[in-house]
Amino acid sequence: MYYHAVASVFSNAIWFLTMKEIVINDFSLDLFIPYTLGTVAGSLTGAKVSMRIEKWLDAKADSK
């Protein structure tokens, strides 16, 4: 989960800054922290739900 959180922060930070520069020049950097926290929380929640479903289904990777 730690790796997922760190990767999500970088991914969403790059998206936010790219959109700020390319698409919407008046994007305020004040929105960066709430946007990043919200997207990371959503991403971690989705990953946790996915892990619980895999555990419930007893899903395993095939070694072949």
C-alpha atoms as a PDB file:
ATOM      1  CA  MET A   1       0.000   0.000   0.000  1.00  0.00           C
ATOM      2  CA  TYR A   2       2.913   2.368   0.703  1.00  0.00           C
ATOM      3  CA  TYR A   3       4.289   1.929  -2.824  1.00  0.00           C
ATOM      4  CA  HIS A   4       0.794   2.453  -4.257  1.00  0.00           C
ATOM      5  CA  ALA A   5       0.390   5.673  -2.252  1.00  0.00           C
ATOM      6  CA  VAL A   6       3.754   7.076  -3.340  1.00  0.00           C
ATOM      7  CA  ALA A   7       3.159   6.173  -6.979  1.00  0.00           C
ATOM      8  CA  SER A   8      -0.290   7.758  -6.811  1.00  0.00           C
ATOM      9  CA  VAL A   9       1.101  11.019  -5.397  1.00  0.00           C
ATOM     10  CA  PHE A  10       3.644  11.279  -8.219  1.00  0.00           C
ATOM     11  CA  SER A  11       1.160  10.291 -10.903  1.00  0.00           C
ATOM     12  CA  ASN A  12      -1.489  12.761  -9.782  1.00  0.00           C
ATOM     13  CA  ALA A  13       1.039  15.542  -9.192  1.00  0.00           C
ATOM     14  CA  ILE A  14       2.307  15.196 -12.753  1.00  0.00           C
ATOM     15  CA  TRP A  15      -1.257  15.191 -14.114  1.00  0.00           C
ATOM     16  CA  PHE A  16      -2.206  18.270 -12.074  1.00  0.00           C
ATOM     17  CA  LEU A  17       0.867  20.261 -13.081  1.00  0.00           C
ATOM     18  CA  THR A  18       0.526  19.245 -16.738  1.00  0.00           C
ATOM     19  CA  MET A  19      -3.107  20.344 -16.853  1.00  0.00           C
ATOM     20  CA  LYS A  20      -2.163  23.589 -15.116  1.00  0.00           C
ATOM     21  CA  GLU A  21       0.437  24.430 -17.751  1.00  0.00           C
ATOM     22  CA  ILE A  22      -1.219  23.082 -20.895  1.00  0.00           C
ATOM     23  CA  VAL A  23      -4.970  23.332 -20.495  1.00  0.00           C
ATOM     24  CA  ILE A  24      -6.091  25.621 -17.716  1.00  0.00           C
ATOM     25  CA  ASN A  25      -3.572  28.370 -17.027  1.00  0.00           C
ATOM     26  CA  ASP A  26      -5.588  29.768 -14.129  1.00  0.00           C
ATOM     27  CA  PHE A  27      -5.508  26.519 -12.107  1.00  0.00           C
ATOM     28  CA  SER A  28      -4.602  27.601  -8.612  1.00  0.00           C
ATOM     29  CA  LEU A  29      -1.848  25.739  -6.807  1.00  0.00           C
ATOM     30  CA  ASP A  30      -4.116  26.018  -3.743  1.00  0.00           C
ATOM     31  CA  LEU A  31      -6.076  23.156  -5.293  1.00  0.00           C
ATOM     32  CA  PHE A  32      -3.015  20.914  -5.577  1.00  0.00           C
ATOM     33  CA  ILE A  33      -3.047  19.550  -2.015  1.00  0.00           C
ATOM     34  CA  PRO A  34      -6.789  18.768  -1.782  1.00  0.00           C
ATOM     35  CA  TYR A  35      -6.756  17.292  -5.293  1.00  0.00           C
ATOM     36  CA  THR A  36      -3.750  15.092  -4.557  1.00  0.00           C
ATOM     37  CA  LEU A  37      -5.058  13.968  -1.151  1.00  0.00           C
ATOM     38  CA  GLY A  38      -8.449  13.133  -2.640  1.00  0.00           C
ATOM     39  CA  THR A  39      -7.073  11.149  -5.552  1.00  0.00           C
ATOM     40  CA  VAL A  40      -4.579   9.257  -3.378  1.00  0.00           C
ATOM     41  CA  ALA A  41      -7.313   8.399  -0.859  1.00  0.00           C
ATOM     42  CA  GLY A  42      -9.561   7.179  -3.675  1.00  0.00           C
ATOM     43  CA  SER A  43      -6.775   5.147  -5.221  1.00  0.00           C
ATOM     44  CA  LEU A  44      -5.835   3.502  -1.918  1.00  0.00           C
ATOM     45  CA  THR A  45      -9.475   2.760  -1.141  1.00  0.00           C
ATOM     46  CA  GLY A  46      -9.925   1.131  -4.544  1.00  0.00           C
ATOM     47  CA  ALA A  47      -6.772  -0.948  -4.090  1.00  0.00           C
ATOM     48  CA  LYS A  48      -7.886  -2.093  -0.624  1.00  0.00           C
ATOM     49  CA  VAL A  49     -11.358  -3.049  -1.873  1.00  0.00           C
ATOM     50  CA  SER A  50      -9.766  -4.939  -4.756  1.00  0.00           C
ATOM     51  CA  MET A  51      -7.478  -6.814  -2.352  1.00  0.00           C
ATOM     52  CA  ARG A  52     -10.450  -7.774  -0.149  1.00  0.00           C
ATOM     53  CA  ILE A  53     -12.397  -9.058  -3.166  1.00  0.00           C
ATOM     54  CA  GLU A  54      -9.395 -11.125  -4.277  1.00  0.00           C
ATOM     55  CA  LYS A  55      -9.099 -12.570  -0.771  1.00  0.00           C
ATOM     56  CA  TRP A  56     -12.843 -13.297  -0.620  1.00  0.00           C
ATOM     57  CA  LEU A  57     -12.695 -15.055  -3.994  1.00  0.00           C
ATOM     58  CA  ASP A  58      -9.428 -16.771  -3.020  1.00  0.00           C
ATOM     59  CA  ALA A  59      -7.978 -15.541  -6.319  1.00  0.00           C
ATOM     60  CA  LYS A  60      -4.409 -16.583  -6.944  1.00  0.00           C
ATOM     61  CA  ALA A  61      -1.918 -16.011  -9.762  1.00  0.00           C
ATOM     62  CA  ASP A  62      -1.123 -18.954 -11.994  1.00  0.00           C
ATOM     63  CA  SER A  63       2.559 -19.894 -11.875  1.00  0.00           C
ATOM     64  CA  LYS A  64       2.527 -21.272 -15.429  1.00  0.00           C
END
